N, C-alpha and C. Protein backbone atom coordinates (compact mmCIF):
# COMPACT_ATOMS: atom_id res chain seq x y z
N MET A 1 19.25 -20.21 -27.77
CA MET A 1 18.54 -20.22 -26.76
C MET A 1 17.55 -19.46 -26.71
N PRO A 2 16.48 -20.07 -25.62
CA PRO A 2 15.23 -18.95 -25.88
C PRO A 2 14.86 -17.67 -24.99
N LYS A 3 14.04 -17.22 -25.45
CA LYS A 3 14.14 -15.66 -24.48
C LYS A 3 13.37 -15.85 -23.22
N VAL A 4 13.94 -15.22 -22.14
CA VAL A 4 14.10 -15.52 -20.80
C VAL A 4 12.64 -14.45 -20.35
N LYS A 5 11.48 -15.14 -20.25
CA LYS A 5 9.88 -14.73 -19.97
C LYS A 5 10.08 -13.77 -18.63
N THR A 6 9.27 -12.58 -18.68
CA THR A 6 9.23 -11.93 -17.39
C THR A 6 7.81 -13.01 -16.28
N HIS A 7 8.03 -12.83 -15.52
CA HIS A 7 7.22 -13.29 -14.37
C HIS A 7 5.60 -12.65 -14.39
N SER A 8 4.43 -12.85 -14.84
CA SER A 8 3.52 -12.40 -15.41
C SER A 8 3.03 -11.82 -13.83
N GLY A 9 2.64 -12.44 -12.87
CA GLY A 9 2.24 -12.09 -11.48
C GLY A 9 3.13 -10.64 -11.48
N ALA A 10 4.38 -11.19 -11.30
CA ALA A 10 5.10 -9.75 -10.96
C ALA A 10 5.05 -8.61 -11.64
N LYS A 11 4.85 -9.13 -12.60
CA LYS A 11 4.86 -7.79 -13.71
C LYS A 11 3.74 -7.20 -13.77
N LYS A 12 2.47 -7.75 -13.35
CA LYS A 12 1.58 -6.86 -12.92
C LYS A 12 1.61 -6.09 -11.54
N ARG A 13 2.25 -7.05 -10.36
CA ARG A 13 2.07 -6.21 -9.38
C ARG A 13 3.21 -5.53 -8.90
N LEU A 14 4.34 -5.45 -9.56
CA LEU A 14 5.29 -4.59 -9.10
C LEU A 14 5.61 -3.37 -10.12
N LYS A 15 6.42 -2.00 -9.84
CA LYS A 15 6.77 -1.26 -10.58
C LYS A 15 8.07 -0.72 -9.94
N ILE A 16 8.65 -0.27 -11.23
CA ILE A 16 10.30 0.07 -10.82
C ILE A 16 10.56 1.83 -11.09
N THR A 17 10.66 2.38 -9.60
CA THR A 17 10.83 3.90 -9.59
C THR A 17 11.65 4.56 -10.46
N GLY A 18 11.84 5.53 -10.67
CA GLY A 18 12.96 6.47 -11.22
C GLY A 18 14.47 6.18 -10.97
N THR A 19 14.75 5.75 -9.59
CA THR A 19 15.84 5.34 -8.81
C THR A 19 16.37 3.88 -8.79
N GLY A 20 15.23 3.38 -9.51
CA GLY A 20 15.79 1.94 -9.71
C GLY A 20 15.23 1.14 -8.70
N LYS A 21 14.23 1.33 -7.57
CA LYS A 21 13.73 0.66 -6.56
C LYS A 21 12.29 0.30 -6.82
N VAL A 22 12.04 -0.66 -6.25
CA VAL A 22 10.55 -1.17 -6.80
C VAL A 22 9.68 -1.21 -5.95
N LYS A 23 8.43 -0.46 -6.37
CA LYS A 23 7.37 0.06 -5.71
C LYS A 23 6.50 -1.41 -5.41
N ARG A 24 5.69 -1.57 -4.51
CA ARG A 24 5.02 -2.96 -4.51
C ARG A 24 3.70 -2.55 -3.39
N LYS A 25 2.30 -3.04 -3.63
CA LYS A 25 1.40 -2.60 -2.78
C LYS A 25 1.20 -3.59 -1.39
N LYS A 26 0.74 -3.00 -0.71
CA LYS A 26 0.98 -3.37 0.61
C LYS A 26 -0.50 -4.78 0.66
N ALA A 27 -0.30 -5.68 1.56
CA ALA A 27 -1.30 -6.87 1.80
C ALA A 27 -2.32 -6.23 2.95
N TYR A 28 -3.49 -7.10 3.03
CA TYR A 28 -4.65 -6.96 4.16
C TYR A 28 -5.30 -5.66 3.65
N LYS A 29 -5.64 -5.37 2.58
CA LYS A 29 -6.13 -4.31 2.25
C LYS A 29 -7.48 -4.54 1.20
N SER A 30 -7.80 -5.86 1.11
CA SER A 30 -8.51 -6.45 0.00
C SER A 30 -9.99 -6.60 0.55
N HIS A 31 -9.94 -7.31 1.59
CA HIS A 31 -11.49 -7.80 1.83
C HIS A 31 -11.32 -7.89 3.82
N ILE A 32 -12.54 -8.26 4.00
CA ILE A 32 -12.78 -7.78 5.53
C ILE A 32 -12.15 -6.91 6.21
N LEU A 33 -12.74 -5.65 5.54
CA LEU A 33 -12.17 -4.24 6.23
C LEU A 33 -12.96 -3.64 7.34
N THR A 34 -14.21 -4.26 7.51
CA THR A 34 -14.90 -4.25 8.57
C THR A 34 -14.28 -3.96 10.27
N LYS A 35 -13.51 -4.92 10.44
CA LYS A 35 -12.89 -5.21 11.52
C LYS A 35 -11.73 -4.40 11.74
N LYS A 36 -10.81 -4.19 10.76
CA LYS A 36 -10.14 -2.97 10.53
C LYS A 36 -9.90 -1.99 10.98
N GLU A 37 -9.34 -0.97 11.71
CA GLU A 37 -9.31 0.30 12.22
C GLU A 37 -8.72 1.07 11.03
N THR A 38 -10.07 2.21 11.10
CA THR A 38 -9.74 3.23 9.62
C THR A 38 -8.35 3.58 9.38
N LYS A 39 -7.48 3.90 10.60
CA LYS A 39 -6.02 4.41 10.66
C LYS A 39 -4.95 3.33 9.93
N ARG A 40 -5.18 1.87 10.30
CA ARG A 40 -4.48 0.66 9.70
C ARG A 40 -4.87 0.71 8.46
N LYS A 41 -6.07 0.95 7.85
CA LYS A 41 -6.74 0.93 5.88
C LYS A 41 -6.03 1.86 5.60
N ARG A 42 -5.84 3.29 6.13
CA ARG A 42 -5.52 4.25 5.44
C ARG A 42 -3.69 3.91 5.50
N ALA A 43 -3.29 3.48 6.36
CA ALA A 43 -1.72 3.15 6.04
C ALA A 43 -1.37 2.35 5.01
N LEU A 44 -2.44 1.07 5.18
CA LEU A 44 -2.32 0.40 3.82
C LEU A 44 -2.48 0.39 2.44
N THR A 45 -2.85 1.79 2.38
CA THR A 45 -3.29 2.54 1.10
C THR A 45 -1.91 3.28 0.30
N ASN A 46 -0.99 3.36 1.03
CA ASN A 46 0.48 3.81 1.04
C ASN A 46 1.05 2.76 0.32
N PRO A 47 1.93 2.85 -1.05
CA PRO A 47 2.96 1.83 -1.45
C PRO A 47 3.67 1.94 -0.58
N ALA A 48 4.62 0.59 -0.78
CA ALA A 48 5.98 0.56 0.02
C ALA A 48 6.91 -0.05 -0.72
N ILE A 49 8.13 0.33 -0.49
CA ILE A 49 9.21 -0.40 -1.27
C ILE A 49 9.85 -1.80 -1.11
N VAL A 50 9.81 -2.71 -1.82
CA VAL A 50 10.25 -3.97 -1.84
C VAL A 50 12.03 -3.61 -0.81
N HIS A 51 12.39 -4.79 0.02
CA HIS A 51 12.77 -4.84 1.05
C HIS A 51 14.31 -5.54 0.39
N GLU A 52 15.75 -5.19 0.51
CA GLU A 52 16.87 -5.13 -0.16
C GLU A 52 17.16 -6.65 -0.07
N THR A 53 16.55 -7.23 0.85
CA THR A 53 16.81 -8.79 0.95
C THR A 53 15.66 -9.50 0.29
N ASP A 54 14.69 -9.10 -0.22
CA ASP A 54 13.98 -9.63 -1.23
C ASP A 54 14.34 -9.40 -3.05
N MET A 55 15.14 -8.27 -3.16
CA MET A 55 15.38 -7.71 -4.23
C MET A 55 15.85 -8.81 -5.22
N PRO A 56 16.91 -9.77 -4.96
CA PRO A 56 17.13 -10.43 -5.83
C PRO A 56 16.21 -11.44 -6.40
N ARG A 57 15.29 -12.06 -5.48
CA ARG A 57 14.28 -12.52 -6.38
C ARG A 57 13.37 -11.89 -7.23
N VAL A 58 13.21 -10.53 -7.10
CA VAL A 58 12.53 -9.68 -7.57
C VAL A 58 13.14 -9.39 -8.99
N LYS A 59 14.49 -8.89 -8.81
CA LYS A 59 15.06 -8.79 -10.10
C LYS A 59 15.06 -9.74 -11.10
N GLN A 60 14.88 -11.49 -10.47
CA GLN A 60 14.91 -12.17 -11.44
C GLN A 60 13.66 -12.59 -12.02
N MET A 61 12.98 -12.13 -11.29
CA MET A 61 11.21 -12.52 -11.89
C MET A 61 10.77 -11.32 -12.99
N LEU A 62 11.60 -10.03 -12.62
CA LEU A 62 11.43 -8.73 -13.55
C LEU A 62 12.49 -8.88 -14.72
N ASN A 63 13.49 -9.69 -14.70
CA ASN A 63 14.61 -9.85 -15.49
C ASN A 63 15.40 -8.58 -15.93
N LEU A 64 16.02 -8.20 -14.68
CA LEU A 64 16.17 -6.75 -14.31
C LEU A 64 18.03 -6.85 -14.50
């Protein structure tokens, strides 16, 4: 049986924390920033944790 490969996109975008949770970057911070409020842009800078309902898919992509 062949080796199971890790999803390249997920590998680049997600990081596993020490407690086993998965960290992700928030969306809507890459372009068209002039019309967005400063407060909103600051809030989008902080990383977020992947929601528990998405974890089965994330674990499959990262081979956890």
